[in-house]
Amino acid sequence: MYQFFTADCHFNHHNIIKYCKRPFKDTKSMNETIIKNINARCNKDDMLFHLGDFKYNKSTQADVAHKNPELLLNPKIIYIRGNHDNNNNLKGMLDFAMITFANTKYLLCHVPPPSEFTKYSIIEHMIPYVDCILCGHVHEKWKHKMYSKPIMEHVTCNPIPVINVGVDVWGFKPVRIDEIHRYYQQIIKKK
């Protein structure tokens, strides 16, 4: 069993193709490509952490090519709530999670810090207790960045990597935990 990560699939969201310049002609081809890529990497025993914005079902922006894409996917899925997940009828979403791999603590969330969404402010309080943050939300804007949390005025904690696991920067494929960990190690060697 492997753990995989992805974010921002935006299944059925036709405007995301234009907003993020995704290389698809329509939502049907986008959905089919992402589903095929997930199933090519993930088996039925694997766990996929989807870090927000899974699908659109009821929206003026929804073009429902696959009403329930989660039923077409091989892995078991743990959903972290994204800012567009209020209309997708998924049950049991988490607001955030923490996992440990190779003695490294990873915080899983949708919106990276600093957050414009006040409900995510608890994440910023957890930063001193983790080594790396995995997120989505930023689409193609960046693959990783360093974040330094201000502790008090003019004083910050040590910077930690924030890695975007979204489909837009990982070739529309999920990324396995050991691949994330190798990427994390490359980032911290450079800092």
N, C-alpha and C. Protein backbone atom coordinates (compact mmCIF):
# COMPACT_ATOMS: atom_id res chain seq x y z
N MET A 1 0.84 -1.19 0.00
CA MET A 1 0.00 0.00 0.00
C MET A 1 0.88 1.24 0.00
N TYR A 2 0.59 2.15 -0.91
CA TYR A 2 1.31 3.42 -1.00
C TYR A 2 0.37 4.57 -0.69
N GLN A 3 0.96 5.69 -0.28
CA GLN A 3 0.21 6.93 -0.08
C GLN A 3 0.56 7.87 -1.23
N PHE A 4 -0.49 8.42 -1.85
CA PHE A 4 -0.34 9.36 -2.94
C PHE A 4 -1.03 10.67 -2.57
N PHE A 5 -0.63 11.74 -3.27
CA PHE A 5 -1.17 13.07 -3.00
C PHE A 5 -1.47 13.77 -4.31
N THR A 6 -2.55 14.52 -4.31
CA THR A 6 -2.90 15.37 -5.43
C THR A 6 -3.85 16.45 -4.91
N ALA A 7 -4.16 17.40 -5.77
CA ALA A 7 -5.10 18.47 -5.40
C ALA A 7 -5.63 19.11 -6.67
N ASP A 8 -6.72 19.82 -6.52
CA ASP A 8 -7.27 20.67 -7.58
C ASP A 8 -7.61 19.93 -8.86
N CYS A 9 -8.17 18.73 -8.74
CA CYS A 9 -8.64 18.05 -9.95
C CYS A 9 -9.72 18.86 -10.64
N HIS A 10 -10.60 19.48 -9.88
CA HIS A 10 -11.69 20.28 -10.43
C HIS A 10 -12.46 19.51 -11.50
N PHE A 11 -12.76 18.24 -11.21
CA PHE A 11 -13.57 17.46 -12.15
C PHE A 11 -14.85 18.23 -12.47
N ASN A 12 -15.24 18.21 -13.73
CA ASN A 12 -16.47 18.84 -14.24
C ASN A 12 -16.46 20.36 -14.27
N HIS A 13 -15.35 21.00 -13.96
CA HIS A 13 -15.28 22.46 -13.91
C HIS A 13 -14.72 22.98 -15.23
N HIS A 14 -15.61 23.38 -16.13
CA HIS A 14 -15.14 23.74 -17.46
C HIS A 14 -14.31 25.02 -17.48
N ASN A 15 -14.55 25.97 -16.58
CA ASN A 15 -13.78 27.22 -16.59
C ASN A 15 -12.33 27.04 -16.13
N ILE A 16 -12.04 25.96 -15.38
CA ILE A 16 -10.67 25.77 -14.89
C ILE A 16 -9.70 25.53 -16.05
N ILE A 17 -10.20 24.98 -17.14
CA ILE A 17 -9.36 24.75 -18.33
C ILE A 17 -8.81 26.08 -18.84
N LYS A 18 -9.68 27.09 -18.89
CA LYS A 18 -9.27 28.42 -19.35
C LYS A 18 -8.44 29.13 -18.28
N TYR A 19 -8.91 29.10 -17.01
CA TYR A 19 -8.22 29.83 -15.94
C TYR A 19 -6.77 29.39 -15.78
N CYS A 20 -6.52 28.09 -15.87
CA CYS A 20 -5.18 27.55 -15.62
C CYS A 20 -4.46 27.12 -16.89
N LYS A 21 -5.06 27.44 -18.03
CA LYS A 21 -4.47 27.07 -19.32
C LYS A 21 -4.16 25.58 -19.39
N ARG A 22 -5.12 24.77 -18.94
CA ARG A 22 -4.95 23.32 -19.00
C ARG A 22 -5.05 22.85 -20.45
N PRO A 23 -4.28 21.84 -20.83
CA PRO A 23 -4.21 21.42 -22.23
C PRO A 23 -5.33 20.47 -22.66
N PHE A 24 -6.57 20.83 -22.34
CA PHE A 24 -7.70 19.97 -22.67
C PHE A 24 -8.72 20.77 -23.46
N LYS A 25 -9.42 20.09 -24.36
CA LYS A 25 -10.43 20.77 -25.18
C LYS A 25 -11.75 20.93 -24.42
N ASP A 26 -12.02 20.03 -23.46
CA ASP A 26 -13.27 20.09 -22.71
C ASP A 26 -13.13 19.32 -21.40
N THR A 27 -14.17 19.39 -20.57
CA THR A 27 -14.10 18.71 -19.27
C THR A 27 -14.07 17.20 -19.42
N LYS A 28 -14.72 16.67 -20.44
CA LYS A 28 -14.71 15.21 -20.62
C LYS A 28 -13.27 14.71 -20.83
N SER A 29 -12.51 15.37 -21.69
CA SER A 29 -11.12 14.94 -21.91
C SER A 29 -10.26 15.20 -20.68
N MET A 30 -10.49 16.30 -19.97
CA MET A 30 -9.76 16.58 -18.73
C MET A 30 -10.04 15.50 -17.69
N ASN A 31 -11.33 15.24 -17.45
CA ASN A 31 -11.71 14.23 -16.46
C ASN A 31 -11.10 12.87 -16.81
N GLU A 32 -11.25 12.47 -18.06
CA GLU A 32 -10.75 11.15 -18.47
C GLU A 32 -9.24 11.04 -18.31
N THR A 33 -8.51 12.09 -18.64
CA THR A 33 -7.04 12.07 -18.50
C THR A 33 -6.64 11.96 -17.04
N ILE A 34 -7.24 12.77 -16.18
CA ILE A 34 -6.87 12.74 -14.76
C ILE A 34 -7.25 11.40 -14.14
N ILE A 35 -8.43 10.88 -14.45
CA ILE A 35 -8.85 9.57 -13.94
C ILE A 35 -7.89 8.48 -14.41
N LYS A 36 -7.54 8.49 -15.69
CA LYS A 36 -6.60 7.50 -16.25
C LYS A 36 -5.24 7.60 -15.56
N ASN A 37 -4.75 8.82 -15.34
CA ASN A 37 -3.45 9.02 -14.70
C ASN A 37 -3.45 8.55 -13.25
N ILE A 38 -4.54 8.82 -12.53
CA ILE A 38 -4.63 8.35 -11.14
C ILE A 38 -4.65 6.83 -11.11
N ASN A 39 -5.47 6.22 -11.94
CA ASN A 39 -5.58 4.76 -11.94
C ASN A 39 -4.31 4.07 -12.44
N ALA A 40 -3.54 4.74 -13.29
CA ALA A 40 -2.28 4.16 -13.77
C ALA A 40 -1.23 4.11 -12.65
N ARG A 41 -1.32 5.03 -11.70
CA ARG A 41 -0.34 5.09 -10.61
C ARG A 41 -0.83 4.41 -9.34
N CYS A 42 -2.12 4.40 -9.09
CA CYS A 42 -2.67 3.95 -7.81
C CYS A 42 -3.45 2.65 -7.97
N ASN A 43 -3.19 1.73 -7.06
CA ASN A 43 -3.94 0.47 -7.01
C ASN A 43 -5.08 0.58 -6.00
N LYS A 44 -5.90 -0.45 -5.93
CA LYS A 44 -7.04 -0.45 -5.01
C LYS A 44 -6.62 -0.44 -3.54
N ASP A 45 -5.42 -0.92 -3.23
CA ASP A 45 -4.93 -0.91 -1.85
C ASP A 45 -4.28 0.42 -1.46
N ASP A 46 -4.07 1.30 -2.42
CA ASP A 46 -3.39 2.56 -2.15
C ASP A 46 -4.34 3.59 -1.56
N MET A 47 -3.74 4.62 -0.94
CA MET A 47 -4.50 5.71 -0.33
C MET A 47 -4.14 7.00 -1.08
N LEU A 48 -5.15 7.71 -1.56
CA LEU A 48 -4.94 8.99 -2.23
C LEU A 48 -5.48 10.10 -1.34
N PHE A 49 -4.61 11.00 -0.93
CA PHE A 49 -5.02 12.19 -0.20
C PHE A 49 -5.27 13.28 -1.25
N HIS A 50 -6.52 13.71 -1.37
CA HIS A 50 -6.86 14.77 -2.31
C HIS A 50 -7.01 16.06 -1.50
N LEU A 51 -6.09 17.01 -1.74
CA LEU A 51 -6.02 18.21 -0.91
C LEU A 51 -6.86 19.37 -1.47
N GLY A 52 -8.12 19.10 -1.68
CA GLY A 52 -9.08 20.16 -1.97
C GLY A 52 -9.43 20.37 -3.43
N ASP A 53 -10.67 20.84 -3.63
CA ASP A 53 -11.24 21.18 -4.92
C ASP A 53 -11.30 19.96 -5.84
N PHE A 54 -12.04 18.97 -5.39
CA PHE A 54 -12.14 17.70 -6.09
C PHE A 54 -13.03 17.78 -7.34
N LYS A 55 -14.29 18.22 -7.17
CA LYS A 55 -15.19 18.23 -8.32
C LYS A 55 -16.27 19.29 -8.17
N TYR A 56 -16.88 19.62 -9.29
CA TYR A 56 -18.04 20.51 -9.34
C TYR A 56 -19.24 19.66 -9.74
N ASN A 57 -20.31 19.76 -8.99
CA ASN A 57 -21.54 19.07 -9.34
C ASN A 57 -22.67 20.04 -9.64
N LYS A 58 -22.85 21.00 -8.75
CA LYS A 58 -23.98 21.91 -8.87
C LYS A 58 -23.46 23.33 -8.96
N SER A 59 -23.29 23.81 -10.16
CA SER A 59 -22.76 25.14 -10.34
C SER A 59 -23.01 25.57 -11.77
N THR A 60 -23.06 26.87 -12.00
CA THR A 60 -23.16 27.35 -13.38
C THR A 60 -21.88 27.02 -14.15
N GLN A 61 -20.79 26.71 -13.44
CA GLN A 61 -19.52 26.36 -14.08
C GLN A 61 -19.34 24.86 -14.24
N ALA A 62 -20.34 24.06 -13.84
CA ALA A 62 -20.21 22.61 -13.90
C ALA A 62 -20.71 22.07 -15.23
N ASP A 63 -19.87 21.29 -15.85
CA ASP A 63 -20.22 20.55 -17.06
C ASP A 63 -20.06 19.08 -16.66
N VAL A 64 -21.12 18.47 -16.21
CA VAL A 64 -21.02 17.17 -15.54
C VAL A 64 -20.81 16.05 -16.55
N ALA A 65 -19.53 15.83 -16.87
CA ALA A 65 -19.16 14.74 -17.76
C ALA A 65 -19.08 13.42 -16.99
N HIS A 66 -18.63 13.50 -15.74
CA HIS A 66 -18.56 12.34 -14.85
C HIS A 66 -19.15 12.78 -13.52
N LYS A 67 -20.41 12.49 -13.30
CA LYS A 67 -21.08 12.98 -12.10
C LYS A 67 -20.36 12.54 -10.82
N ASN A 68 -19.87 11.31 -10.78
CA ASN A 68 -19.18 10.80 -9.59
C ASN A 68 -17.83 10.21 -9.98
N PRO A 69 -16.84 11.05 -10.31
CA PRO A 69 -15.54 10.51 -10.73
C PRO A 69 -14.86 9.68 -9.65
N GLU A 70 -15.20 9.91 -8.40
CA GLU A 70 -14.60 9.14 -7.30
C GLU A 70 -14.93 7.65 -7.42
N LEU A 71 -16.05 7.33 -8.06
CA LEU A 71 -16.43 5.92 -8.23
C LEU A 71 -15.60 5.24 -9.31
N LEU A 72 -14.92 6.02 -10.14
CA LEU A 72 -14.10 5.47 -11.23
C LEU A 72 -12.63 5.31 -10.83
N LEU A 73 -12.29 5.76 -9.64
CA LEU A 73 -10.88 5.77 -9.22
C LEU A 73 -10.52 4.53 -8.41
N ASN A 74 -9.33 4.00 -8.65
CA ASN A 74 -8.85 2.81 -7.93
C ASN A 74 -8.63 3.03 -6.44
N PRO A 75 -7.89 4.07 -6.04
CA PRO A 75 -7.47 4.13 -4.63
C PRO A 75 -8.60 4.54 -3.69
N LYS A 76 -8.36 4.26 -2.41
CA LYS A 76 -9.22 4.83 -1.36
C LYS A 76 -8.84 6.30 -1.26
N ILE A 77 -9.82 7.17 -1.07
CA ILE A 77 -9.55 8.61 -1.10
C ILE A 77 -9.87 9.24 0.25
N ILE A 78 -8.93 10.04 0.73
CA ILE A 78 -9.16 10.90 1.90
C ILE A 78 -9.22 12.32 1.37
N TYR A 79 -10.34 13.00 1.63
CA TYR A 79 -10.56 14.34 1.11
C TYR A 79 -10.22 15.39 2.16
N ILE A 80 -9.37 16.32 1.77
CA ILE A 80 -9.14 17.53 2.56
C ILE A 80 -9.97 18.62 1.90
N ARG A 81 -10.74 19.34 2.68
CA ARG A 81 -11.69 20.32 2.15
C ARG A 81 -10.95 21.48 1.46
N GLY A 82 -11.43 21.83 0.26
CA GLY A 82 -10.92 22.99 -0.45
C GLY A 82 -11.95 24.10 -0.46
N ASN A 83 -11.57 25.25 -0.96
CA ASN A 83 -12.49 26.39 -0.95
C ASN A 83 -13.62 26.23 -1.98
N HIS A 84 -13.52 25.25 -2.89
CA HIS A 84 -14.60 25.00 -3.85
C HIS A 84 -15.31 23.68 -3.59
N ASP A 85 -15.21 23.15 -2.40
CA ASP A 85 -15.79 21.84 -2.11
C ASP A 85 -17.15 21.90 -1.43
N ASN A 86 -17.78 23.05 -1.41
CA ASN A 86 -19.08 23.15 -0.75
C ASN A 86 -20.22 22.60 -1.58
N ASN A 87 -20.02 22.43 -2.89
CA ASN A 87 -21.13 22.00 -3.74
C ASN A 87 -20.90 20.63 -4.37
N ASN A 88 -20.04 19.81 -3.80
CA ASN A 88 -19.70 18.57 -4.50
C ASN A 88 -20.27 17.30 -3.87
N ASN A 89 -21.07 17.38 -2.87
CA ASN A 89 -21.77 16.28 -2.19
C ASN A 89 -20.86 15.17 -1.67
N LEU A 90 -19.57 15.43 -1.47
CA LEU A 90 -18.69 14.44 -0.86
C LEU A 90 -18.89 14.46 0.65
N LYS A 91 -18.83 13.30 1.25
CA LYS A 91 -19.04 13.19 2.69
C LYS A 91 -17.70 12.93 3.39
N GLY A 92 -17.59 13.39 4.61
CA GLY A 92 -16.43 13.05 5.44
C GLY A 92 -15.14 13.75 5.06
N MET A 93 -15.21 15.01 4.66
CA MET A 93 -13.98 15.73 4.34
C MET A 93 -13.32 16.23 5.63
N LEU A 94 -11.99 16.22 5.62
CA LEU A 94 -11.21 16.77 6.73
C LEU A 94 -10.82 18.20 6.39
N ASP A 95 -10.63 19.02 7.40
CA ASP A 95 -10.15 20.38 7.16
C ASP A 95 -8.64 20.40 6.96
N PHE A 96 -7.93 19.51 7.62
CA PHE A 96 -6.49 19.35 7.46
C PHE A 96 -6.09 18.03 8.11
N ALA A 97 -4.86 17.61 7.90
CA ALA A 97 -4.35 16.38 8.51
C ALA A 97 -2.84 16.50 8.66
N MET A 98 -2.27 15.63 9.46
CA MET A 98 -0.82 15.54 9.61
C MET A 98 -0.41 14.09 9.43
N ILE A 99 0.68 13.86 8.71
CA ILE A 99 1.22 12.52 8.58
C ILE A 99 2.73 12.59 8.78
N THR A 100 3.32 11.46 9.13
CA THR A 100 4.76 11.37 9.28
C THR A 100 5.28 10.32 8.31
N PHE A 101 6.35 10.68 7.61
CA PHE A 101 7.03 9.76 6.71
C PHE A 101 8.52 10.00 6.86
N ALA A 102 9.28 8.95 7.12
CA ALA A 102 10.74 9.03 7.27
C ALA A 102 11.13 10.11 8.29
N ASN A 103 10.46 10.08 9.43
CA ASN A 103 10.71 11.03 10.53
C ASN A 103 10.48 12.49 10.13
N THR A 104 9.69 12.73 9.11
CA THR A 104 9.36 14.08 8.66
C THR A 104 7.86 14.26 8.82
N LYS A 105 7.48 15.34 9.50
CA LYS A 105 6.06 15.63 9.73
C LYS A 105 5.55 16.54 8.62
N TYR A 106 4.49 16.07 7.95
CA TYR A 106 3.86 16.82 6.87
C TYR A 106 2.47 17.27 7.30
N LEU A 107 2.19 18.55 7.10
CA LEU A 107 0.85 19.10 7.31
C LEU A 107 0.15 19.13 5.97
N LEU A 108 -1.05 18.56 5.90
CA LEU A 108 -1.85 18.51 4.66
C LEU A 108 -2.99 19.50 4.77
N CYS A 109 -3.07 20.42 3.83
CA CYS A 109 -4.14 21.42 3.83
C CYS A 109 -4.39 21.85 2.39
N HIS A 110 -5.43 22.59 2.18
CA HIS A 110 -5.70 23.06 0.82
C HIS A 110 -5.00 24.39 0.55
N VAL A 111 -5.32 25.38 1.34
CA VAL A 111 -4.80 26.73 1.12
C VAL A 111 -3.47 26.88 1.85
N PRO A 112 -2.41 27.28 1.14
CA PRO A 112 -1.13 27.45 1.81
C PRO A 112 -1.11 28.69 2.69
N PRO A 113 -0.25 28.72 3.69
CA PRO A 113 -0.13 29.94 4.49
C PRO A 113 0.68 30.99 3.72
N PRO A 114 0.52 32.25 4.04
CA PRO A 114 -0.52 32.79 4.91
C PRO A 114 -1.86 32.75 4.20
N SER A 115 -2.90 32.47 4.92
CA SER A 115 -4.20 32.20 4.31
C SER A 115 -5.10 33.42 4.35
N GLU A 116 -5.76 33.65 3.22
CA GLU A 116 -6.78 34.70 3.18
C GLU A 116 -8.10 34.19 3.74
N PHE A 117 -8.16 32.90 4.07
CA PHE A 117 -9.38 32.30 4.61
C PHE A 117 -9.21 32.11 6.11
N THR A 118 -9.95 32.84 6.91
CA THR A 118 -9.74 32.82 8.35
C THR A 118 -9.98 31.45 8.97
N LYS A 119 -10.84 30.61 8.36
CA LYS A 119 -11.09 29.29 8.95
C LYS A 119 -9.85 28.42 8.90
N TYR A 120 -8.86 28.78 8.08
CA TYR A 120 -7.64 28.00 8.00
C TYR A 120 -6.54 28.53 8.93
N SER A 121 -6.83 29.56 9.73
CA SER A 121 -5.79 30.17 10.56
C SER A 121 -5.20 29.18 11.57
N ILE A 122 -5.93 28.16 11.96
CA ILE A 122 -5.38 27.16 12.88
C ILE A 122 -4.16 26.47 12.27
N ILE A 123 -4.12 26.37 10.95
CA ILE A 123 -2.98 25.76 10.28
C ILE A 123 -1.71 26.53 10.58
N GLU A 124 -1.79 27.85 10.59
CA GLU A 124 -0.61 28.66 10.87
C GLU A 124 -0.09 28.41 12.29
N HIS A 125 -0.94 28.04 13.21
CA HIS A 125 -0.49 27.74 14.58
C HIS A 125 0.21 26.38 14.65
N MET A 126 -0.02 25.53 13.68
CA MET A 126 0.59 24.19 13.67
C MET A 126 1.98 24.19 13.02
N ILE A 127 2.32 25.23 12.31
CA ILE A 127 3.56 25.27 11.54
C ILE A 127 4.81 24.99 12.37
N PRO A 128 4.95 25.49 13.59
CA PRO A 128 6.17 25.17 14.35
C PRO A 128 6.34 23.68 14.66
N TYR A 129 5.28 22.89 14.49
CA TYR A 129 5.32 21.46 14.84
C TYR A 129 5.48 20.54 13.63
N VAL A 130 5.62 21.11 12.42
CA VAL A 130 5.77 20.29 11.21
C VAL A 130 7.05 20.69 10.48
N ASP A 131 7.48 19.79 9.59
CA ASP A 131 8.68 20.04 8.80
C ASP A 131 8.36 20.57 7.41
N CYS A 132 7.16 20.26 6.91
CA CYS A 132 6.80 20.62 5.55
C CYS A 132 5.28 20.70 5.45
N ILE A 133 4.80 21.55 4.56
CA ILE A 133 3.37 21.69 4.31
C ILE A 133 3.09 21.23 2.88
N LEU A 134 2.08 20.39 2.71
CA LEU A 134 1.60 20.00 1.39
C LEU A 134 0.26 20.69 1.17
N CYS A 135 0.09 21.29 0.01
CA CYS A 135 -1.13 22.07 -0.24
C CYS A 135 -1.55 21.94 -1.70
N GLY A 136 -2.64 22.59 -2.00
CA GLY A 136 -3.13 22.77 -3.36
C GLY A 136 -3.41 24.25 -3.54
N HIS A 137 -4.52 24.58 -4.17
CA HIS A 137 -5.09 25.92 -4.26
C HIS A 137 -4.39 26.86 -5.23
N VAL A 138 -3.08 26.76 -5.38
CA VAL A 138 -2.34 27.74 -6.19
C VAL A 138 -2.17 27.30 -7.64
N HIS A 139 -2.67 26.13 -7.97
CA HIS A 139 -2.66 25.61 -9.35
C HIS A 139 -1.27 25.67 -9.97
N GLU A 140 -1.13 26.39 -11.08
CA GLU A 140 0.13 26.41 -11.83
C GLU A 140 1.09 27.50 -11.35
N LYS A 141 0.73 28.24 -10.33
CA LYS A 141 1.51 29.42 -9.91
C LYS A 141 2.92 29.07 -9.42
N TRP A 142 3.05 28.01 -8.63
CA TRP A 142 4.37 27.58 -8.14
C TRP A 142 4.30 26.14 -7.66
N LYS A 143 5.45 25.46 -7.70
CA LYS A 143 5.54 24.07 -7.25
C LYS A 143 5.94 23.99 -5.78
N HIS A 144 6.79 24.91 -5.34
CA HIS A 144 7.11 25.00 -3.92
C HIS A 144 7.57 26.42 -3.60
N LYS A 145 7.51 26.74 -2.34
CA LYS A 145 8.05 28.00 -1.84
C LYS A 145 8.43 27.78 -0.38
N MET A 146 9.16 28.71 0.16
CA MET A 146 9.53 28.66 1.57
C MET A 146 8.61 29.62 2.33
N TYR A 147 8.22 29.21 3.53
CA TYR A 147 7.33 30.05 4.35
C TYR A 147 7.94 30.24 5.72
N SER A 148 8.01 31.49 6.15
CA SER A 148 8.47 31.82 7.50
C SER A 148 7.32 32.46 8.24
N LYS A 149 6.90 31.81 9.30
CA LYS A 149 5.78 32.31 10.09
C LYS A 149 6.27 33.37 11.07
N PRO A 150 5.69 34.56 11.03
CA PRO A 150 6.05 35.55 12.04
C PRO A 150 5.61 35.08 13.42
N ILE A 151 6.56 35.05 14.37
CA ILE A 151 6.23 34.68 15.75
C ILE A 151 5.78 35.92 16.50
N MET A 152 6.50 36.99 16.29
CA MET A 152 6.13 38.30 16.83
C MET A 152 6.71 39.33 15.86
N GLU A 153 6.41 40.56 16.09
CA GLU A 153 6.86 41.59 15.17
C GLU A 153 8.38 41.51 14.98
N HIS A 154 8.83 41.45 13.74
CA HIS A 154 10.25 41.42 13.34
C HIS A 154 10.96 40.12 13.70
N VAL A 155 10.24 39.07 14.14
CA VAL A 155 10.87 37.79 14.45
C VAL A 155 10.08 36.69 13.74
N THR A 156 10.78 35.83 13.01
CA THR A 156 10.12 34.73 12.31
C THR A 156 10.73 33.40 12.72
N CYS A 157 9.98 32.33 12.54
CA CYS A 157 10.51 31.00 12.78
C CYS A 157 11.33 30.57 11.57
N ASN A 158 12.04 29.48 11.68
CA ASN A 158 12.81 28.97 10.56
C ASN A 158 11.88 28.70 9.39
N PRO A 159 12.30 29.06 8.17
CA PRO A 159 11.43 28.81 7.02
C PRO A 159 11.26 27.31 6.78
N ILE A 160 10.06 26.95 6.37
CA ILE A 160 9.78 25.55 6.03
C ILE A 160 9.23 25.49 4.61
N PRO A 161 9.47 24.37 3.91
CA PRO A 161 8.96 24.24 2.56
C PRO A 161 7.44 24.04 2.53
N VAL A 162 6.83 24.64 1.54
CA VAL A 162 5.42 24.43 1.22
C VAL A 162 5.42 23.86 -0.20
N ILE A 163 4.92 22.64 -0.36
CA ILE A 163 4.92 21.97 -1.65
C ILE A 163 3.49 21.86 -2.17
N ASN A 164 3.30 22.36 -3.38
CA ASN A 164 2.02 22.28 -4.07
C ASN A 164 1.92 20.90 -4.73
N VAL A 165 0.96 20.09 -4.31
CA VAL A 165 0.78 18.75 -4.89
C VAL A 165 -0.31 18.74 -5.98
N GLY A 166 -0.73 19.92 -6.42
CA GLY A 166 -1.80 20.03 -7.40
C GLY A 166 -1.47 19.45 -8.76
N VAL A 167 -2.51 19.00 -9.45
CA VAL A 167 -2.34 18.36 -10.76
C VAL A 167 -1.66 19.26 -11.77
N ASP A 168 -1.83 20.56 -11.65
CA ASP A 168 -1.28 21.48 -12.64
C ASP A 168 0.25 21.52 -12.67
N VAL A 169 0.91 21.15 -11.58
CA VAL A 169 2.38 21.17 -11.55
C VAL A 169 3.01 19.77 -11.50
N TRP A 170 2.19 18.72 -11.49
CA TRP A 170 2.70 17.35 -11.45
C TRP A 170 2.21 16.54 -12.66
N GLY A 171 2.01 17.18 -13.79
CA GLY A 171 1.65 16.46 -15.01
C GLY A 171 0.29 15.79 -14.95
N PHE A 172 -0.64 16.34 -14.16
CA PHE A 172 -1.99 15.80 -14.01
C PHE A 172 -1.96 14.37 -13.48
N LYS A 173 -0.96 14.07 -12.63
CA LYS A 173 -0.80 12.76 -12.01
C LYS A 173 -0.62 12.93 -10.51
N PRO A 174 -1.01 11.93 -9.72
CA PRO A 174 -0.74 11.99 -8.29
C PRO A 174 0.74 11.72 -8.04
N VAL A 175 1.23 12.19 -6.89
CA VAL A 175 2.63 12.01 -6.53
C VAL A 175 2.70 11.15 -5.26
N ARG A 176 3.61 10.17 -5.26
CA ARG A 176 3.74 9.23 -4.14
C ARG A 176 4.54 9.87 -3.00
N ILE A 177 4.30 9.43 -1.78
CA ILE A 177 4.93 10.02 -0.60
C ILE A 177 6.45 9.99 -0.67
N ASP A 178 7.05 8.92 -1.17
CA ASP A 178 8.52 8.89 -1.24
C ASP A 178 9.04 9.89 -2.28
N GLU A 179 8.27 10.15 -3.34
CA GLU A 179 8.66 11.16 -4.32
C GLU A 179 8.57 12.56 -3.72
N ILE A 180 7.52 12.80 -2.95
CA ILE A 180 7.38 14.07 -2.23
C ILE A 180 8.56 14.24 -1.27
N HIS A 181 8.89 13.18 -0.55
CA HIS A 181 9.97 13.26 0.44
C HIS A 181 11.31 13.57 -0.23
N ARG A 182 11.59 12.95 -1.38
CA ARG A 182 12.83 13.26 -2.11
C ARG A 182 12.84 14.72 -2.55
N TYR A 183 11.69 15.20 -3.03
CA TYR A 183 11.58 16.61 -3.45
C TYR A 183 11.82 17.53 -2.25
N TYR A 184 11.22 17.20 -1.11
CA TYR A 184 11.41 17.96 0.13
C TYR A 184 12.90 18.01 0.49
N GLN A 185 13.60 16.88 0.42
CA GLN A 185 15.02 16.85 0.76
C GLN A 185 15.85 17.71 -0.18
N GLN A 186 15.50 17.73 -1.47
CA GLN A 186 16.19 18.62 -2.41
C GLN A 186 16.00 20.09 -2.04
N ILE A 187 14.78 20.44 -1.63
CA ILE A 187 14.49 21.83 -1.26
C ILE A 187 15.30 22.24 -0.04
N ILE A 188 15.33 21.39 1.00
CA ILE A 188 16.02 21.81 2.22
C ILE A 188 17.53 21.82 2.05
N LYS A 189 18.06 21.04 1.10
CA LYS A 189 19.50 21.11 0.83
C LYS A 189 19.89 22.44 0.22
N LYS A 190 18.97 23.05 -0.55
CA LYS A 190 19.25 24.31 -1.23
C LYS A 190 19.10 25.52 -0.33
N LYS A 191 18.37 25.38 0.78
CA LYS A 191 18.08 26.59 1.58
C LYS A 191 19.21 27.05 2.44
